[in-house]
Amino acid sequence: MGALAAAIAVGLGALGAGIGNGLIVSRTVEGIARQPELKGTLQTTMFIGVALVEAVPIIGVVIALMVM
């Protein structure tokens, strides 16, 4: 039963991170299309946001491995 819970936790963490990354990147591209002169600033902010979002599935995997 622990393996099933771990698999669900990792899967939902990956799903949430995928949706989050898609939203972040789409909004960044939209912002760059509106104001191309802010490309560098928007990309920097995007990379920070993506890194924070990617921390969630990594933490989920660690917790899932601890549960098993």
Protein backbone atom coordinates (compact mmCIF):
# COMPACT_ATOMS: atom_id res chain seq x y z
CA MET A 1 0.00 0.00 0.00
CA GLY A 2 2.92 2.32 0.69
CA ALA A 3 4.19 1.90 -2.87
CA LEU A 4 0.82 2.94 -4.26
CA ALA A 5 0.75 6.04 -2.08
CA ALA A 6 4.30 6.90 -3.15
CA ALA A 7 3.41 6.48 -6.82
CA ILE A 8 0.36 8.72 -6.48
CA ALA A 9 2.36 11.37 -4.64
CA VAL A 10 5.10 11.43 -7.26
CA GLY A 11 2.59 11.40 -10.13
CA LEU A 12 0.54 14.28 -8.76
CA GLY A 13 3.68 16.25 -7.98
CA ALA A 14 4.88 15.81 -11.56
CA LEU A 15 1.46 16.71 -12.94
CA GLY A 16 1.31 19.89 -10.88
CA ALA A 17 4.83 20.88 -11.87
CA GLY A 18 4.06 20.32 -15.54
CA ILE A 19 0.98 22.51 -15.39
CA GLY A 20 2.84 25.16 -13.41
CA ASN A 21 5.76 25.24 -15.83
CA GLY A 22 3.41 25.52 -18.76
CA LEU A 23 1.64 28.49 -17.22
CA ILE A 24 4.89 30.23 -16.30
CA VAL A 25 6.42 29.81 -19.74
CA SER A 26 3.24 30.80 -21.59
CA ARG A 27 2.88 33.99 -19.55
CA THR A 28 6.54 34.82 -20.10
CA VAL A 29 6.24 34.39 -23.85
CA GLU A 30 3.12 36.56 -23.79
CA GLY A 31 4.98 39.23 -21.82
CA ILE A 32 7.93 39.15 -24.21
CA ALA A 33 5.55 39.48 -27.16
CA ARG A 34 4.00 42.57 -25.57
CA GLN A 35 7.26 44.20 -24.43
CA PRO A 36 10.30 42.77 -26.22
CA GLU A 37 12.66 45.20 -24.48
CA LEU A 38 12.04 43.40 -21.15
CA LYS A 39 13.11 40.01 -22.50
CA GLY A 40 16.11 39.62 -20.19
CA THR A 41 14.23 40.56 -17.04
CA LEU A 42 11.27 38.35 -17.89
CA GLN A 43 13.48 35.37 -18.70
CA THR A 44 15.37 35.74 -15.43
CA THR A 45 12.13 35.84 -13.49
CA MET A 46 10.82 32.87 -15.47
CA PHE A 47 13.87 30.74 -14.68
CA ILE A 48 13.56 31.52 -10.97
CA GLY A 49 9.87 30.59 -11.06
CA VAL A 50 10.51 27.36 -12.95
CA ALA A 51 13.22 26.39 -10.46
CA LEU A 52 10.83 26.94 -7.56
CA VAL A 53 8.08 24.94 -9.28
CA GLU A 54 10.50 22.09 -10.06
CA ALA A 55 11.39 21.82 -6.38
CA VAL A 56 7.91 20.46 -5.64
CA PRO A 57 8.22 17.11 -7.48
CA ILE A 58 11.74 16.64 -6.14
CA ILE A 59 10.46 17.07 -2.59
CA GLY A 60 7.58 14.72 -3.46
CA VAL A 61 10.00 12.02 -4.60
CA VAL A 62 12.07 12.37 -1.43
CA ILE A 63 8.99 12.11 0.79
CA ALA A 64 7.68 9.16 -1.25
CA LEU A 65 10.98 7.34 -0.80
CA MET A 66 10.88 8.02 2.92
CA VAL A 67 7.35 6.58 3.17
CA MET A 68 8.28 3.34 1.40
